Every structure is written in structure tokens, then in C-alpha cells.
Amino acid sequence: MSQTYQPNKRKRAKTHGFLVRAKTPGGKKVTKARRQKGRAKVSIAK
């Protein structure tokens, strides 16, 4: 049996990256909320 998580930088950026977040209203909300909380990383930088 193989492990469930098989990392891939490109796929990670394409699904959780800043540009993807910026495209949708919900994504913008997420970014805003994380900024307000004071997160070191708002999202994955592409």
C-alpha cells in the first residue's frame, strides 16, 4: 500500500496558491481573514 499524501509543488500551488485564492470571492475572504489573524503565510506563494 502506498502513502495517501504524495507531495507535488506544482499541484499544491495550482490548488492552494495565492492566485487561485484571489480569483474567487471566497478565496479573497480567506486571504483577508488570515491577514487579520496575523498569519506568517497568507497562502502558498507560486
PDB file of N, CA and C in Angstrom:
ATOM      1  N   MET A   1       0.830  -1.202   0.000  1.00  0.00           N
ATOM      2  CA  MET A   1       0.000   0.000   0.000  1.00  0.00           C
ATOM      3  C   MET A   1       0.874   1.266   0.000  1.00  0.00           C
ATOM      4  N   SER A   2       0.464   2.244  -0.749  1.00  0.00           N
ATOM      5  CA  SER A   2       1.232   3.491  -0.803  1.00  0.00           C
ATOM      6  C   SER A   2       0.657   4.520   0.163  1.00  0.00           C
ATOM      7  N   GLN A   3       1.473   5.535   0.442  1.00  0.00           N
ATOM      8  CA  GLN A   3       1.026   6.611   1.315  1.00  0.00           C
ATOM      9  C   GLN A   3      -0.037   7.445   0.598  1.00  0.00           C
ATOM     10  N   THR A   4      -0.909   8.055   1.388  1.00  0.00           N
ATOM     11  CA  THR A   4      -2.002   8.847   0.834  1.00  0.00           C
ATOM     12  C   THR A   4      -1.493  10.157   0.237  1.00  0.00           C
ATOM     13  N   TYR A   5      -0.590  10.843   0.971  1.00  0.00           N
ATOM     14  CA  TYR A   5      -0.105  12.153   0.536  1.00  0.00           C
ATOM     15  C   TYR A   5       1.180  12.027  -0.261  1.00  0.00           C
ATOM     16  N   GLN A   6       1.105  12.385  -1.536  1.00  0.00           N
ATOM     17  CA  GLN A   6       2.285  12.369  -2.381  1.00  0.00           C
ATOM     18  C   GLN A   6       2.530  13.780  -2.897  1.00  0.00           C
ATOM     19  N   PRO A   7       3.394  14.513  -2.196  1.00  0.00           N
ATOM     20  CA  PRO A   7       3.627  15.925  -2.477  1.00  0.00           C
ATOM     21  C   PRO A   7       3.994  16.244  -3.930  1.00  0.00           C
ATOM     22  N   ASN A   8       3.462  17.356  -4.391  1.00  0.00           N
ATOM     23  CA  ASN A   8       3.758  17.859  -5.719  1.00  0.00           C
ATOM     24  C   ASN A   8       3.606  19.380  -5.649  1.00  0.00           C
ATOM     25  N   LYS A   9       4.722  20.082  -5.731  1.00  0.00           N
ATOM     26  CA  LYS A   9       4.728  21.545  -5.572  1.00  0.00           C
ATOM     27  C   LYS A   9       3.812  22.273  -6.553  1.00  0.00           C
ATOM     28  N   ARG A  10       3.826  21.837  -7.800  1.00  0.00           N
ATOM     29  CA  ARG A  10       3.010  22.489  -8.829  1.00  0.00           C
ATOM     30  C   ARG A  10       1.522  22.355  -8.525  1.00  0.00           C
ATOM     31  N   LYS A  11       1.098  21.127  -8.198  1.00  0.00           N
ATOM     32  CA  LYS A  11      -0.311  20.898  -7.911  1.00  0.00           C
ATOM     33  C   LYS A  11      -0.748  21.674  -6.677  1.00  0.00           C
ATOM     34  N   ARG A  12       0.126  21.727  -5.663  1.00  0.00           N
ATOM     35  CA  ARG A  12      -0.179  22.450  -4.430  1.00  0.00           C
ATOM     36  C   ARG A  12      -0.413  23.927  -4.710  1.00  0.00           C
ATOM     37  N   ALA A  13       0.462  24.516  -5.540  1.00  0.00           N
ATOM     38  CA  ALA A  13       0.338  25.922  -5.903  1.00  0.00           C
ATOM     39  C   ALA A  13      -0.906  26.173  -6.747  1.00  0.00           C
ATOM     40  N   LYS A  14      -1.229  25.219  -7.627  1.00  0.00           N
ATOM     41  CA  LYS A  14      -2.382  25.371  -8.513  1.00  0.00           C
ATOM     42  C   LYS A  14      -3.717  25.273  -7.772  1.00  0.00           C
ATOM     43  N   THR A  15      -3.724  24.578  -6.624  1.00  0.00           N
ATOM     44  CA  THR A  15      -4.972  24.407  -5.890  1.00  0.00           C
ATOM     45  C   THR A  15      -5.097  25.323  -4.681  1.00  0.00           C
ATOM     46  N   HIS A  16      -3.938  25.642  -4.038  1.00  0.00           N
ATOM     47  CA  HIS A  16      -3.988  26.451  -2.828  1.00  0.00           C
ATOM     48  C   HIS A  16      -3.196  27.744  -2.917  1.00  0.00           C
ATOM     49  N   GLY A  17      -2.680  28.059  -4.110  1.00  0.00           N
ATOM     50  CA  GLY A  17      -1.837  29.236  -4.291  1.00  0.00           C
ATOM     51  C   GLY A  17      -2.573  30.557  -4.173  1.00  0.00           C
ATOM     52  N   PHE A  18      -1.798  31.622  -4.066  1.00  0.00           N
ATOM     53  CA  PHE A  18      -2.363  32.962  -3.901  1.00  0.00           C
ATOM     54  C   PHE A  18      -3.225  33.373  -5.084  1.00  0.00           C
ATOM     55  N   LEU A  19      -2.781  33.082  -6.292  1.00  0.00           N
ATOM     56  CA  LEU A  19      -3.523  33.468  -7.496  1.00  0.00           C
ATOM     57  C   LEU A  19      -4.887  32.791  -7.569  1.00  0.00           C
ATOM     58  N   VAL A  20      -4.957  31.542  -7.141  1.00  0.00           N
ATOM     59  CA  VAL A  20      -6.220  30.800  -7.127  1.00  0.00           C
ATOM     60  C   VAL A  20      -7.159  31.410  -6.089  1.00  0.00           C
ATOM     61  N   ARG A  21      -6.602  31.761  -4.930  1.00  0.00           N
ATOM     62  CA  ARG A  21      -7.400  32.374  -3.864  1.00  0.00           C
ATOM     63  C   ARG A  21      -7.958  33.727  -4.315  1.00  0.00           C
ATOM     64  N   ALA A  22      -7.138  34.486  -5.013  1.00  0.00           N
ATOM     65  CA  ALA A  22      -7.523  35.831  -5.451  1.00  0.00           C
ATOM     66  C   ALA A  22      -8.639  35.824  -6.506  1.00  0.00           C
ATOM     67  N   LYS A  23      -8.819  34.709  -7.176  1.00  0.00           N
ATOM     68  CA  LYS A  23      -9.823  34.625  -8.253  1.00  0.00           C
ATOM     69  C   LYS A  23     -11.261  34.612  -7.744  1.00  0.00           C
ATOM     70  N   THR A  24     -11.513  33.975  -6.599  1.00  0.00           N
ATOM     71  CA  THR A  24     -12.880  33.830  -6.100  1.00  0.00           C
ATOM     72  C   THR A  24     -13.147  34.727  -4.890  1.00  0.00           C
ATOM     73  N   PRO A  25     -14.410  35.127  -4.702  1.00  0.00           N
ATOM     74  CA  PRO A  25     -14.762  35.949  -3.546  1.00  0.00           C
ATOM     75  C   PRO A  25     -14.455  35.236  -2.222  1.00  0.00           C
ATOM     76  N   GLY A  26     -14.719  33.935  -2.205  1.00  0.00           N
ATOM     77  CA  GLY A  26     -14.442  33.147  -1.004  1.00  0.00           C
ATOM     78  C   GLY A  26     -12.962  33.092  -0.696  1.00  0.00           C
ATOM     79  N   GLY A  27     -12.173  32.980  -1.756  1.00  0.00           N
ATOM     80  CA  GLY A  27     -10.721  32.938  -1.608  1.00  0.00           C
ATOM     81  C   GLY A  27     -10.168  34.245  -1.067  1.00  0.00           C
ATOM     82  N   LYS A  28     -10.735  35.351  -1.544  1.00  0.00           N
ATOM     83  CA  LYS A  28     -10.328  36.683  -1.064  1.00  0.00           C
ATOM     84  C   LYS A  28     -10.648  36.808   0.426  1.00  0.00           C
ATOM     85  N   LYS A  29     -11.785  36.235   0.827  1.00  0.00           N
ATOM     86  CA  LYS A  29     -12.219  36.243   2.217  1.00  0.00           C
ATOM     87  C   LYS A  29     -11.215  35.493   3.093  1.00  0.00           C
ATOM     88  N   VAL A  30     -10.772  34.346   2.589  1.00  0.00           N
ATOM     89  CA  VAL A  30      -9.798  33.506   3.291  1.00  0.00           C
ATOM     90  C   VAL A  30      -8.500  34.275   3.516  1.00  0.00           C
ATOM     91  N   THR A  31      -8.001  34.897   2.436  1.00  0.00           N
ATOM     92  CA  THR A  31      -6.770  35.677   2.497  1.00  0.00           C
ATOM     93  C   THR A  31      -6.898  36.818   3.505  1.00  0.00           C
ATOM     94  N   LYS A  32      -8.030  37.498   3.462  1.00  0.00           N
ATOM     95  CA  LYS A  32      -8.285  38.619   4.364  1.00  0.00           C
ATOM     96  C   LYS A  32      -8.300  38.164   5.821  1.00  0.00           C
ATOM     97  N   ALA A  33      -8.999  37.063   6.071  1.00  0.00           N
ATOM     98  CA  ALA A  33      -9.106  36.515   7.422  1.00  0.00           C
ATOM     99  C   ALA A  33      -7.740  36.109   7.972  1.00  0.00           C
ATOM    100  N   ARG A  34      -6.930  35.520   7.117  1.00  0.00           N
ATOM    101  CA  ARG A  34      -5.592  35.076   7.532  1.00  0.00           C
ATOM    102  C   ARG A  34      -4.676  36.269   7.808  1.00  0.00           C
ATOM    103  N   ARG A  35      -4.851  37.346   7.021  1.00  0.00           N
ATOM    104  CA  ARG A  35      -4.070  38.571   7.255  1.00  0.00           C
ATOM    105  C   ARG A  35      -4.449  39.192   8.590  1.00  0.00           C
ATOM    106  N   GLN A  36      -5.758  39.260   8.860  1.00  0.00           N
ATOM    107  CA  GLN A  36      -6.244  39.841  10.108  1.00  0.00           C
ATOM    108  C   GLN A  36      -5.748  39.060  11.319  1.00  0.00           C
ATOM    109  N   LYS A  37      -5.681  37.751  11.182  1.00  0.00           N
ATOM    110  CA  LYS A  37      -5.214  36.896  12.262  1.00  0.00           C
ATOM    111  C   LYS A  37      -3.719  37.082  12.501  1.00  0.00           C
ATOM    112  N   GLY A  38      -3.023  37.552  11.461  1.00  0.00           N
ATOM    113  CA  GLY A  38      -1.594  37.784  11.578  1.00  0.00           C
ATOM    114  C   GLY A  38      -0.751  36.587  11.219  1.00  0.00           C
ATOM    115  N   ARG A  39      -1.247  35.817  10.282  1.00  0.00           N
ATOM    116  CA  ARG A  39      -0.511  34.643   9.826  1.00  0.00           C
ATOM    117  C   ARG A  39       0.797  35.024   9.149  1.00  0.00           C
ATOM    118  N   ALA A  40       1.821  34.231   9.374  1.00  0.00           N
ATOM    119  CA  ALA A  40       3.107  34.455   8.721  1.00  0.00           C
ATOM    120  C   ALA A  40       2.978  34.189   7.235  1.00  0.00           C
ATOM    121  N   LYS A  41       2.215  33.123   6.893  1.00  0.00           N
ATOM    122  CA  LYS A  41       1.965  32.787   5.499  1.00  0.00           C
ATOM    123  C   LYS A  41       0.481  32.928   5.210  1.00  0.00           C
ATOM    124  N   VAL A  42       0.141  33.796   4.269  1.00  0.00           N
ATOM    125  CA  VAL A  42      -1.251  34.019   3.884  1.00  0.00           C
ATOM    126  C   VAL A  42      -1.715  32.871   2.996  1.00  0.00           C
ATOM    127  N   SER A  43      -0.871  32.472   2.068  1.00  0.00           N
ATOM    128  CA  SER A  43      -1.128  31.325   1.191  1.00  0.00           C
ATOM    129  C   SER A  43       0.192  30.865   0.595  1.00  0.00           C
ATOM    130  N   ILE A  44       0.150  29.829  -0.190  1.00  0.00           N
ATOM    131  CA  ILE A  44       1.354  29.318  -0.821  1.00  0.00           C
ATOM    132  C   ILE A  44       1.759  30.255  -1.954  1.00  0.00           C
ATOM    133  N   ALA A  45       2.982  30.724  -1.930  1.00  0.00           N
ATOM    134  CA  ALA A  45       3.478  31.606  -2.981  1.00  0.00           C
ATOM    135  C   ALA A  45       3.857  30.757  -4.192  1.00  0.00           C
ATOM    136  N   LYS A  46       3.420  31.186  -5.365  1.00  0.00           N
ATOM    137  CA  LYS A  46       3.708  30.394  -6.558  1.00  0.00           C
ATOM    138  C   LYS A  46       5.065  30.715  -7.134  1.00  0.00           C
TER     139      LYS A  46
END
